[in-house]
Amino acid sequence: MVKYIVTGVGLSGLLFAANIYAQQDPTAPLGWQKKSSSVAVSAPSLPQLQSVICDAQACRATLSGKSVTVGSVIRGYRVSRISDSSVILTRNKKQWQLSLFSANIKQ
């Protein structure tokens, strides 16, 4: 009876070791662990232009719920110019023009 218990324990240990071995890459160097998370770098999304208010001195715009003026920075983009219907943003020497109204106006 003792022989069968020892054999059963040995067999279960062998199955456990085989399960661990199957989860690892057999061609990887000993002790090497795969990184669990990867870092994805993405550019911040453009803010959404919601409104523009101009008075005699200057214009202010609302971008993604924040009031900005020329020179302000929002989400990594610098506000270069604000006109009565658009805002120009710059980042890394590139420019984006956000307009209040769509260019495809049907009449």
PDB file of N, CA and C in Angstrom:
ATOM      1  N   MET A   1       0.823  -1.186   0.000  1.00  0.00           N
ATOM      2  CA  MET A   1       0.000   0.000   0.000  1.00  0.00           C
ATOM      3  C   MET A   1       0.872   1.257   0.000  1.00  0.00           C
ATOM      4  N   VAL A   2       1.968   1.271   0.723  1.00  0.00           N
ATOM      5  CA  VAL A   2       2.865   2.411   0.787  1.00  0.00           C
ATOM      6  C   VAL A   2       3.473   2.686  -0.580  1.00  0.00           C
ATOM      7  N   LYS A   3       3.751   1.659  -1.367  1.00  0.00           N
ATOM      8  CA  LYS A   3       4.310   1.827  -2.699  1.00  0.00           C
ATOM      9  C   LYS A   3       3.380   2.646  -3.594  1.00  0.00           C
ATOM     10  N   TYR A   4       2.091   2.376  -3.498  1.00  0.00           N
ATOM     11  CA  TYR A   4       1.129   3.062  -4.351  1.00  0.00           C
ATOM     12  C   TYR A   4       0.983   4.537  -3.976  1.00  0.00           C
ATOM     13  N   ILE A   5       1.070   4.864  -2.712  1.00  0.00           N
ATOM     14  CA  ILE A   5       0.968   6.261  -2.265  1.00  0.00           C
ATOM     15  C   ILE A   5       2.173   7.051  -2.751  1.00  0.00           C
ATOM     16  N   VAL A   6       3.361   6.484  -2.616  1.00  0.00           N
ATOM     17  CA  VAL A   6       4.577   7.155  -3.060  1.00  0.00           C
ATOM     18  C   VAL A   6       4.543   7.347  -4.565  1.00  0.00           C
ATOM     19  N   THR A   7       4.089   6.367  -5.310  1.00  0.00           N
ATOM     20  CA  THR A   7       4.010   6.472  -6.759  1.00  0.00           C
ATOM     21  C   THR A   7       2.995   7.544  -7.155  1.00  0.00           C
ATOM     22  N   GLY A   8       1.867   7.612  -6.450  1.00  0.00           N
ATOM     23  CA  GLY A   8       0.837   8.625  -6.733  1.00  0.00           C
ATOM     24  C   GLY A   8       1.345  10.024  -6.478  1.00  0.00           C
ATOM     25  N   VAL A   9       2.080  10.230  -5.400  1.00  0.00           N
ATOM     26  CA  VAL A   9       2.653  11.547  -5.089  1.00  0.00           C
ATOM     27  C   VAL A   9       3.682  11.925  -6.137  1.00  0.00           C
ATOM     28  N   GLY A  10       4.507  11.006  -6.556  1.00  0.00           N
ATOM     29  CA  GLY A  10       5.519  11.268  -7.570  1.00  0.00           C
ATOM     30  C   GLY A  10       4.897  11.609  -8.910  1.00  0.00           C
ATOM     31  N   LEU A  11       3.822  10.920  -9.269  1.00  0.00           N
ATOM     32  CA  LEU A  11       3.143  11.162 -10.526  1.00  0.00           C
ATOM     33  C   LEU A  11       2.470  12.542 -10.528  1.00  0.00           C
ATOM     34  N   SER A  12       1.861  12.939  -9.399  1.00  0.00           N
ATOM     35  CA  SER A  12       1.223  14.262  -9.336  1.00  0.00           C
ATOM     36  C   SER A  12       2.271  15.369  -9.411  1.00  0.00           C
ATOM     37  N   GLY A  13       3.421  15.190  -8.812  1.00  0.00           N
ATOM     38  CA  GLY A  13       4.503  16.169  -8.903  1.00  0.00           C
ATOM     39  C   GLY A  13       5.007  16.311 -10.326  1.00  0.00           C
ATOM     40  N   LEU A  14       5.078  15.204 -11.053  1.00  0.00           N
ATOM     41  CA  LEU A  14       5.515  15.213 -12.443  1.00  0.00           C
ATOM     42  C   LEU A  14       4.505  15.971 -13.317  1.00  0.00           C
ATOM     43  N   LEU A  15       3.212  15.771 -13.093  1.00  0.00           N
ATOM     44  CA  LEU A  15       2.180  16.479 -13.850  1.00  0.00           C
ATOM     45  C   LEU A  15       2.222  17.980 -13.563  1.00  0.00           C
ATOM     46  N   PHE A  16       2.466  18.359 -12.308  1.00  0.00           N
ATOM     47  CA  PHE A  16       2.572  19.758 -11.932  1.00  0.00           C
ATOM     48  C   PHE A  16       3.759  20.411 -12.637  1.00  0.00           C
ATOM     49  N   ALA A  17       4.890  19.729 -12.661  1.00  0.00           N
ATOM     50  CA  ALA A  17       6.090  20.254 -13.314  1.00  0.00           C
ATOM     51  C   ALA A  17       5.872  20.380 -14.822  1.00  0.00           C
ATOM     52  N   ALA A  18       5.170  19.441 -15.423  1.00  0.00           N
ATOM     53  CA  ALA A  18       4.896  19.491 -16.854  1.00  0.00           C
ATOM     54  C   ALA A  18       3.978  20.671 -17.179  1.00  0.00           C
ATOM     55  N   ASN A  19       3.032  20.974 -16.310  1.00  0.00           N
ATOM     56  CA  ASN A  19       2.123  22.097 -16.524  1.00  0.00           C
ATOM     57  C   ASN A  19       2.885  23.420 -16.484  1.00  0.00           C
ATOM     58  N   ILE A  20       3.796  23.593 -15.551  1.00  0.00           N
ATOM     59  CA  ILE A  20       4.609  24.819 -15.463  1.00  0.00           C
ATOM     60  C   ILE A  20       5.496  24.945 -16.694  1.00  0.00           C
ATOM     61  N   TYR A  21       6.103  23.847 -17.127  1.00  0.00           N
ATOM     62  CA  TYR A  21       6.989  23.870 -18.280  1.00  0.00           C
ATOM     63  C   TYR A  21       6.214  24.262 -19.546  1.00  0.00           C
ATOM     64  N   ALA A  22       4.973  23.824 -19.676  1.00  0.00           N
ATOM     65  CA  ALA A  22       4.176  24.127 -20.864  1.00  0.00           C
ATOM     66  C   ALA A  22       3.812  25.604 -20.930  1.00  0.00           C
ATOM     67  N   GLN A  23       3.742  26.293 -19.808  1.00  0.00           N
ATOM     68  CA  GLN A  23       3.383  27.704 -19.796  1.00  0.00           C
ATOM     69  C   GLN A  23       4.568  28.601 -20.150  1.00  0.00           C
ATOM     70  N   GLN A  24       5.761  28.095 -20.160  1.00  0.00           N
ATOM     71  CA  GLN A  24       6.949  28.888 -20.458  1.00  0.00           C
ATOM     72  C   GLN A  24       7.455  28.547 -21.853  1.00  0.00           C
ATOM     73  N   ASP A  25       8.208  29.458 -22.421  1.00  0.00           N
ATOM     74  CA  ASP A  25       8.810  29.236 -23.731  1.00  0.00           C
ATOM     75  C   ASP A  25      10.028  28.344 -23.560  1.00  0.00           C
ATOM     76  N   PRO A  26      10.043  27.163 -24.150  1.00  0.00           N
ATOM     77  CA  PRO A  26      11.174  26.252 -23.963  1.00  0.00           C
ATOM     78  C   PRO A  26      12.457  26.736 -24.626  1.00  0.00           C
ATOM     79  N   THR A  27      12.365  27.703 -25.547  1.00  0.00           N
ATOM     80  CA  THR A  27      13.566  28.201 -26.214  1.00  0.00           C
ATOM     81  C   THR A  27      14.148  29.440 -25.539  1.00  0.00           C
ATOM     82  N   ALA A  28      13.476  29.958 -24.513  1.00  0.00           N
ATOM     83  CA  ALA A  28      13.954  31.155 -23.815  1.00  0.00           C
ATOM     84  C   ALA A  28      15.135  30.810 -22.909  1.00  0.00           C
ATOM     85  N   PRO A  29      16.052  31.759 -22.680  1.00  0.00           N
ATOM     86  CA  PRO A  29      17.162  31.518 -21.761  1.00  0.00           C
ATOM     87  C   PRO A  29      16.652  31.248 -20.348  1.00  0.00           C
ATOM     88  N   LEU A  30      17.435  30.516 -19.577  1.00  0.00           N
ATOM     89  CA  LEU A  30      17.033  30.194 -18.209  1.00  0.00           C
ATOM     90  C   LEU A  30      16.885  31.465 -17.386  1.00  0.00           C
ATOM     91  N   GLY A  31      15.811  31.550 -16.635  1.00  0.00           N
ATOM     92  CA  GLY A  31      15.571  32.689 -15.778  1.00  0.00           C
ATOM     93  C   GLY A  31      14.951  33.884 -16.471  1.00  0.00           C
ATOM     94  N   TRP A  32      14.766  33.821 -17.788  1.00  0.00           N
ATOM     95  CA  TRP A  32      14.196  34.942 -18.523  1.00  0.00           C
ATOM     96  C   TRP A  32      12.699  34.976 -18.310  1.00  0.00           C
ATOM     97  N   GLN A  33      12.159  36.175 -18.058  1.00  0.00           N
ATOM     98  CA  GLN A  33      10.719  36.352 -17.863  1.00  0.00           C
ATOM     99  C   GLN A  33      10.191  37.319 -18.911  1.00  0.00           C
ATOM    100  N   LYS A  34       9.062  36.989 -19.496  1.00  0.00           N
ATOM    101  CA  LYS A  34       8.436  37.853 -20.477  1.00  0.00           C
ATOM    102  C   LYS A  34       7.833  39.058 -19.762  1.00  0.00           C
ATOM    103  N   LYS A  35       7.975  40.253 -20.339  1.00  0.00           N
ATOM    104  CA  LYS A  35       7.405  41.455 -19.736  1.00  0.00           C
ATOM    105  C   LYS A  35       5.885  41.340 -19.763  1.00  0.00           C
ATOM    106  N   SER A  36       5.272  41.674 -18.640  1.00  0.00           N
ATOM    107  CA  SER A  36       3.829  41.500 -18.521  1.00  0.00           C
ATOM    108  C   SER A  36       3.030  42.615 -19.166  1.00  0.00           C
ATOM    109  N   SER A  37       3.583  43.810 -19.247  1.00  0.00           N
ATOM    110  CA  SER A  37       2.832  44.912 -19.840  1.00  0.00           C
ATOM    111  C   SER A  37       3.695  45.624 -20.866  1.00  0.00           C
ATOM    112  N   SER A  38       3.045  46.116 -21.899  1.00  0.00           N
ATOM    113  CA  SER A  38       3.765  46.877 -22.910  1.00  0.00           C
ATOM    114  C   SER A  38       3.317  48.326 -22.829  1.00  0.00           C
ATOM    115  N   VAL A  39       4.223  49.224 -23.130  1.00  0.00           N
ATOM    116  CA  VAL A  39       3.933  50.650 -23.062  1.00  0.00           C
ATOM    117  C   VAL A  39       3.683  51.136 -24.480  1.00  0.00           C
ATOM    118  N   ALA A  40       2.497  51.676 -24.699  1.00  0.00           N
ATOM    119  CA  ALA A  40       2.158  52.229 -26.004  1.00  0.00           C
ATOM    120  C   ALA A  40       2.198  53.751 -25.912  1.00  0.00           C
ATOM    121  N   VAL A  41       2.963  54.356 -26.804  1.00  0.00           N
ATOM    122  CA  VAL A  41       3.086  55.808 -26.816  1.00  0.00           C
ATOM    123  C   VAL A  41       2.180  56.334 -27.921  1.00  0.00           C
ATOM    124  N   SER A  42       1.292  57.227 -27.558  1.00  0.00           N
ATOM    125  CA  SER A  42       0.404  57.803 -28.561  1.00  0.00           C
ATOM    126  C   SER A  42       0.341  59.316 -28.357  1.00  0.00           C
ATOM    127  N   ALA A  43       0.099  59.998 -29.452  1.00  0.00           N
ATOM    128  CA  ALA A  43      -0.019  61.454 -29.380  1.00  0.00           C
ATOM    129  C   ALA A  43      -1.342  61.802 -28.711  1.00  0.00           C
ATOM    130  N   PRO A  44      -1.351  62.866 -27.927  1.00  0.00           N
ATOM    131  CA  PRO A  44      -2.604  63.264 -27.302  1.00  0.00           C
ATOM    132  C   PRO A  44      -3.644  63.637 -28.358  1.00  0.00           C
ATOM    133  N   SER A  45      -4.906  63.380 -28.058  1.00  0.00           N
ATOM    134  CA  SER A  45      -5.960  63.715 -29.009  1.00  0.00           C
ATOM    135  C   SER A  45      -6.157  65.222 -29.063  1.00  0.00           C
ATOM    136  N   LEU A  46      -6.602  65.681 -30.219  1.00  0.00           N
ATOM    137  CA  LEU A  46      -6.848  67.111 -30.389  1.00  0.00           C
ATOM    138  C   LEU A  46      -8.009  67.546 -29.509  1.00  0.00           C
ATOM    139  N   PRO A  47      -7.884  68.706 -28.887  1.00  0.00           N
ATOM    140  CA  PRO A  47      -9.016  69.233 -28.130  1.00  0.00           C
ATOM    141  C   PRO A  47     -10.165  69.578 -29.076  1.00  0.00           C
ATOM    142  N   GLN A  48     -11.367  69.591 -28.554  1.00  0.00           N
ATOM    143  CA  GLN A  48     -12.539  69.919 -29.355  1.00  0.00           C
ATOM    144  C   GLN A  48     -12.884  71.398 -29.166  1.00  0.00           C
ATOM    145  N   LEU A  49     -13.024  72.105 -30.277  1.00  0.00           N
ATOM    146  CA  LEU A  49     -13.390  73.519 -30.231  1.00  0.00           C
ATOM    147  C   LEU A  49     -14.893  73.619 -29.987  1.00  0.00           C
ATOM    148  N   GLN A  50     -15.263  74.308 -28.900  1.00  0.00           N
ATOM    149  CA  GLN A  50     -16.666  74.420 -28.535  1.00  0.00           C
ATOM    150  C   GLN A  50     -17.228  75.820 -28.747  1.00  0.00           C
ATOM    151  N   SER A  51     -16.422  76.853 -28.502  1.00  0.00           N
ATOM    152  CA  SER A  51     -16.915  78.214 -28.721  1.00  0.00           C
ATOM    153  C   SER A  51     -15.760  79.189 -28.852  1.00  0.00           C
ATOM    154  N   VAL A  52     -16.060  80.340 -29.468  1.00  0.00           N
ATOM    155  CA  VAL A  52     -15.100  81.439 -29.584  1.00  0.00           C
ATOM    156  C   VAL A  52     -15.840  82.715 -29.217  1.00  0.00           C
ATOM    157  N   ILE A  53     -15.226  83.518 -28.354  1.00  0.00           N
ATOM    158  CA  ILE A  53     -15.807  84.802 -27.945  1.00  0.00           C
ATOM    159  C   ILE A  53     -14.752  85.879 -28.180  1.00  0.00           C
ATOM    160  N   CYS A  54     -15.120  86.862 -28.993  1.00  0.00           N
ATOM    161  CA  CYS A  54     -14.199  87.967 -29.289  1.00  0.00           C
ATOM    162  C   CYS A  54     -14.788  89.275 -28.805  1.00  0.00           C
ATOM    163  N   ASP A  55     -13.924  90.133 -28.248  1.00  0.00           N
ATOM    164  CA  ASP A  55     -14.322  91.498 -27.901  1.00  0.00           C
ATOM    165  C   ASP A  55     -13.358  92.450 -28.602  1.00  0.00           C
ATOM    166  N   ALA A  56     -13.319  93.691 -28.212  1.00  0.00           N
ATOM    167  CA  ALA A  56     -12.486  94.688 -28.890  1.00  0.00           C
ATOM    168  C   ALA A  56     -10.987  94.396 -28.743  1.00  0.00           C
ATOM    169  N   GLN A  57     -10.574  93.810 -27.604  1.00  0.00           N
ATOM    170  CA  GLN A  57      -9.142  93.588 -27.369  1.00  0.00           C
ATOM    171  C   GLN A  57      -8.643  92.235 -27.892  1.00  0.00           C
ATOM    172  N   ALA A  58      -9.336  91.161 -27.592  1.00  0.00           N
ATOM    173  CA  ALA A  58      -8.818  89.839 -27.933  1.00  0.00           C
ATOM    174  C   ALA A  58      -9.947  88.818 -28.017  1.00  0.00           C
ATOM    175  N   CYS A  59      -9.573  87.627 -28.447  1.00  0.00           N
ATOM    176  CA  CYS A  59     -10.531  86.521 -28.534  1.00  0.00           C
ATOM    177  C   CYS A  59     -10.142  85.443 -27.528  1.00  0.00           C
ATOM    178  N   ARG A  60     -11.172  84.768 -27.013  1.00  0.00           N
ATOM    179  CA  ARG A  60     -10.987  83.616 -26.129  1.00  0.00           C
ATOM    180  C   ARG A  60     -11.735  82.447 -26.752  1.00  0.00           C
ATOM    181  N   ALA A  61     -11.246  81.247 -26.533  1.00  0.00           N
ATOM    182  CA  ALA A  61     -11.911  80.056 -27.066  1.00  0.00           C
ATOM    183  C   ALA A  61     -12.129  79.051 -25.945  1.00  0.00           C
ATOM    184  N   THR A  62     -13.127  78.218 -26.133  1.00  0.00           N
ATOM    185  CA  THR A  62     -13.359  77.117 -25.208  1.00  0.00           C
ATOM    186  C   THR A  62     -12.996  75.835 -25.933  1.00  0.00           C
ATOM    187  N   LEU A  63     -11.945  75.179 -25.439  1.00  0.00           N
ATOM    188  CA  LEU A  63     -11.471  73.920 -26.012  1.00  0.00           C
ATOM    189  C   LEU A  63     -11.647  72.817 -24.976  1.00  0.00           C
ATOM    190  N   SER A  64     -12.448  71.820 -25.311  1.00  0.00           N
ATOM    191  CA  SER A  64     -12.705  70.681 -24.413  1.00  0.00           C
ATOM    192  C   SER A  64     -13.070  71.137 -22.998  1.00  0.00           C
ATOM    193  N   GLY A  65     -13.892  72.171 -22.911  1.00  0.00           N
ATOM    194  CA  GLY A  65     -14.392  72.634 -21.621  1.00  0.00           C
ATOM    195  C   GLY A  65     -13.484  73.602 -20.883  1.00  0.00           C
ATOM    196  N   LYS A  66     -12.344  73.983 -21.472  1.00  0.00           N
ATOM    197  CA  LYS A  66     -11.428  74.919 -20.817  1.00  0.00           C
ATOM    198  C   LYS A  66     -11.315  76.194 -21.634  1.00  0.00           C
ATOM    199  N   SER A  67     -11.365  77.326 -20.960  1.00  0.00           N
ATOM    200  CA  SER A  67     -11.226  78.618 -21.619  1.00  0.00           C
ATOM    201  C   SER A  67      -9.738  78.905 -21.838  1.00  0.00           C
ATOM    202  N   VAL A  68      -9.374  79.241 -23.090  1.00  0.00           N
ATOM    203  CA  VAL A  68      -7.967  79.473 -23.428  1.00  0.00           C
ATOM    204  C   VAL A  68      -7.818  80.774 -24.202  1.00  0.00           C
ATOM    205  N   THR A  69      -6.610  81.318 -24.170  1.00  0.00           N
ATOM    206  CA  THR A  69      -6.252  82.486 -24.963  1.00  0.00           C
ATOM    207  C   THR A  69      -5.012  82.126 -25.781  1.00  0.00           C
ATOM    208  N   VAL A  70      -4.575  83.045 -26.626  1.00  0.00           N
ATOM    209  CA  VAL A  70      -3.367  82.815 -27.421  1.00  0.00           C
ATOM    210  C   VAL A  70      -2.184  82.615 -26.474  1.00  0.00           C
ATOM    211  N   GLY A  71      -1.410  81.565 -26.704  1.00  0.00           N
ATOM    212  CA  GLY A  71      -0.266  81.241 -25.863  1.00  0.00           C
ATOM    213  C   GLY A  71      -0.561  80.163 -24.829  1.00  0.00           C
ATOM    214  N   SER A  72      -1.828  79.863 -24.599  1.00  0.00           N
ATOM    215  CA  SER A  72      -2.190  78.810 -23.635  1.00  0.00           C
ATOM    216  C   SER A  72      -1.802  77.439 -24.184  1.00  0.00           C
ATOM    217  N   VAL A  73      -1.606  76.498 -23.281  1.00  0.00           N
ATOM    218  CA  VAL A  73      -1.288  75.120 -23.663  1.00  0.00           C
ATOM    219  C   VAL A  73      -2.386  74.216 -23.128  1.00  0.00           C
ATOM    220  N   ILE A  74      -2.910  73.362 -24.005  1.00  0.00           N
ATOM    221  CA  ILE A  74      -3.934  72.401 -23.612  1.00  0.00           C
ATOM    222  C   ILE A  74      -3.620  71.057 -24.262  1.00  0.00           C
ATOM    223  N   ARG A  75      -3.497  70.024 -23.437  1.00  0.00           N
ATOM    224  CA  ARG A  75      -3.167  68.655 -23.889  1.00  0.00           C
ATOM    225  C   ARG A  75      -1.895  68.605 -24.730  1.00  0.00           C
ATOM    226  N   GLY A  76      -0.940  69.452 -24.450  1.00  0.00           N
ATOM    227  CA  GLY A  76       0.328  69.449 -25.175  1.00  0.00           C
ATOM    228  C   GLY A  76       0.326  70.302 -26.432  1.00  0.00           C
ATOM    229  N   TYR A  77      -0.787  70.923 -26.767  1.00  0.00           N
ATOM    230  CA  TYR A  77      -0.890  71.790 -27.939  1.00  0.00           C
ATOM    231  C   TYR A  77      -0.905  73.249 -27.487  1.00  0.00           C
ATOM    232  N   ARG A  78      -0.165  74.109 -28.198  1.00  0.00           N
ATOM    233  CA  ARG A  78      -0.126  75.541 -27.890  1.00  0.00           C
ATOM    234  C   ARG A  78      -1.106  76.265 -28.818  1.00  0.00           C
ATOM    235  N   VAL A  79      -1.887  77.158 -28.233  1.00  0.00           N
ATOM    236  CA  VAL A  79      -2.836  77.964 -29.010  1.00  0.00           C
ATOM    237  C   VAL A  79      -2.052  79.085 -29.685  1.00  0.00           C
ATOM    238  N   SER A  80      -1.966  79.046 -31.019  1.00  0.00           N
ATOM    239  CA  SER A  80      -1.195  80.033 -31.778  1.00  0.00           C
ATOM    240  C   SER A  80      -2.019  81.230 -32.187  1.00  0.00           C
ATOM    241  N   ARG A  81      -3.269  80.978 -32.598  1.00  0.00           N
ATOM    242  CA  ARG A  81      -4.094  82.067 -33.097  1.00  0.00           C
ATOM    243  C   ARG A  81      -5.557  81.722 -32.862  1.00  0.00           C
ATOM    244  N   ILE A  82      -6.351  82.739 -32.544  1.00  0.00           N
ATOM    245  CA  ILE A  82      -7.795  82.575 -32.378  1.00  0.00           C
ATOM    246  C   ILE A  82      -8.478  83.624 -33.236  1.00  0.00           C
ATOM    247  N   SER A  83      -9.329  83.166 -34.147  1.00  0.00           N
ATOM    248  CA  SER A  83     -10.134  84.095 -34.944  1.00  0.00           C
ATOM    249  C   SER A  83     -11.592  83.917 -34.533  1.00  0.00           C
ATOM    250  N   ASP A  84     -12.493  84.630 -35.209  1.00  0.00           N
ATOM    251  CA  ASP A  84     -13.897  84.579 -34.800  1.00  0.00           C
ATOM    252  C   ASP A  84     -14.570  83.231 -35.063  1.00  0.00           C
ATOM    253  N   SER A  85     -13.970  82.359 -35.877  1.00  0.00           N
ATOM    254  CA  SER A  85     -14.600  81.067 -36.146  1.00  0.00           C
ATOM    255  C   SER A  85     -13.632  79.878 -36.132  1.00  0.00           C
ATOM    256  N   SER A  86     -12.370  80.110 -35.770  1.00  0.00           N
ATOM    257  CA  SER A  86     -11.412  78.997 -35.746  1.00  0.00           C
ATOM    258  C   SER A  86     -10.271  79.258 -34.767  1.00  0.00           C
ATOM    259  N   VAL A  87      -9.561  78.179 -34.463  1.00  0.00           N
ATOM    260  CA  VAL A  87      -8.394  78.234 -33.571  1.00  0.00           C
ATOM    261  C   VAL A  87      -7.283  77.435 -34.233  1.00  0.00           C
ATOM    262  N   ILE A  88      -6.067  77.955 -34.183  1.00  0.00           N
ATOM    263  CA  ILE A  88      -4.918  77.238 -34.727  1.00  0.00           C
ATOM    264  C   ILE A  88      -4.053  76.784 -33.558  1.00  0.00           C
ATOM    265  N   LEU A  89      -3.782  75.466 -33.532  1.00  0.00           N
ATOM    266  CA  LEU A  89      -2.939  74.852 -32.507  1.00  0.00           C
ATOM    267  C   LEU A  89      -1.629  74.415 -33.129  1.00  0.00           C
ATOM    268  N   THR A  90      -0.532  74.485 -32.360  1.00  0.00           N
ATOM    269  CA  THR A  90       0.762  74.004 -32.841  1.00  0.00           C
ATOM    270  C   THR A  90       1.350  73.033 -31.835  1.00  0.00           C
ATOM    271  N   ARG A  91       2.102  72.088 -32.369  1.00  0.00           N
ATOM    272  CA  ARG A  91       2.824  71.121 -31.536  1.00  0.00           C
ATOM    273  C   ARG A  91       3.914  70.514 -32.398  1.00  0.00           C
ATOM    274  N   ASN A  92       5.150  70.561 -31.919  1.00  0.00           N
ATOM    275  CA  ASN A  92       6.300  70.020 -32.655  1.00  0.00           C
ATOM    276  C   ASN A  92       6.365  70.536 -34.095  1.00  0.00           C
ATOM    277  N   LYS A  93       6.218  71.823 -34.273  1.00  0.00           N
ATOM    278  CA  LYS A  93       6.302  72.509 -35.568  1.00  0.00           C
ATOM    279  C   LYS A  93       5.207  72.086 -36.547  1.00  0.00           C
ATOM    280  N   LYS A  94       4.135  71.461 -36.064  1.00  0.00           N
ATOM    281  CA  LYS A  94       2.989  71.118 -36.901  1.00  0.00           C
ATOM    282  C   LYS A  94       1.808  71.964 -36.451  1.00  0.00           C
ATOM    283  N   GLN A  95       0.892  72.238 -37.377  1.00  0.00           N
ATOM    284  CA  GLN A  95      -0.261  73.077 -37.067  1.00  0.00           C
ATOM    285  C   GLN A  95      -1.562  72.334 -37.379  1.00  0.00           C
ATOM    286  N   TRP A  96      -2.574  72.607 -36.561  1.00  0.00           N
ATOM    287  CA  TRP A  96      -3.915  72.089 -36.765  1.00  0.00           C
ATOM    288  C   TRP A  96      -4.886  73.256 -36.669  1.00  0.00           C
ATOM    289  N   GLN A  97      -5.845  73.309 -37.567  1.00  0.00           N
ATOM    290  CA  GLN A  97      -6.862  74.352 -37.519  1.00  0.00           C
ATOM    291  C   GLN A  97      -8.189  73.709 -37.116  1.00  0.00           C
ATOM    292  N   LEU A  98      -8.726  74.183 -36.002  1.00  0.00           N
ATOM    293  CA  LEU A  98     -10.022  73.715 -35.521  1.00  0.00           C
ATOM    294  C   LEU A  98     -11.055  74.769 -35.897  1.00  0.00           C
ATOM    295  N   SER A  99     -12.122  74.353 -36.551  1.00  0.00           N
ATOM    296  CA  SER A  99     -13.157  75.286 -36.985  1.00  0.00           C
ATOM    297  C   SER A  99     -14.446  75.043 -36.224  1.00  0.00           C
ATOM    298  N   LEU A 100     -15.159  76.129 -35.984  1.00  0.00           N
ATOM    299  CA  LEU A 100     -16.469  76.016 -35.338  1.00  0.00           C
ATOM    300  C   LEU A 100     -17.486  75.381 -36.272  1.00  0.00           C
ATOM    301  N   PHE A 101     -17.401  75.720 -37.550  1.00  0.00           N
ATOM    302  CA  PHE A 101     -18.389  75.268 -38.513  1.00  0.00           C
ATOM    303  C   PHE A 101     -17.743  74.336 -39.542  1.00  0.00           C
ATOM    304  N   SER A 102     -18.513  73.380 -39.981  1.00  0.00           N
ATOM    305  CA  SER A 102     -18.037  72.434 -40.979  1.00  0.00           C
ATOM    306  C   SER A 102     -17.891  73.117 -42.329  1.00  0.00           C
ATOM    307  N   ALA A 103     -16.925  72.680 -43.114  1.00  0.00           N
ATOM    308  CA  ALA A 103     -16.725  73.248 -44.446  1.00  0.00           C
ATOM    309  C   ALA A 103     -17.793  72.736 -45.416  1.00  0.00           C
ATOM    310  N   ASN A 104     -18.471  71.646 -45.075  1.00  0.00           N
ATOM    311  CA  ASN A 104     -19.486  71.056 -45.950  1.00  0.00           C
ATOM    312  C   ASN A 104     -20.880  71.550 -45.551  1.00  0.00           C
ATOM    313  N   ILE A 105     -21.154  72.819 -45.828  1.00  0.00           N
ATOM    314  CA  ILE A 105     -22.455  73.396 -45.499  1.00  0.00           C
ATOM    315  C   ILE A 105     -23.364  73.260 -46.706  1.00  0.00           C
ATOM    316  N   LYS A 106     -24.502  72.581 -46.524  1.00  0.00           N
ATOM    317  CA  LYS A 106     -25.454  72.396 -47.626  1.00  0.00           C
ATOM    318  C   LYS A 106     -26.399  73.597 -47.664  1.00  0.00           C
ATOM    319  N   GLN A 107     -26.684  74.047 -48.876  1.00  0.00           N
ATOM    320  CA  GLN A 107     -27.593  75.189 -49.031  1.00  0.00           C
ATOM    321  C   GLN A 107     -28.840  74.767 -49.768  1.00  0.00           C
TER     322      GLN A 107
END
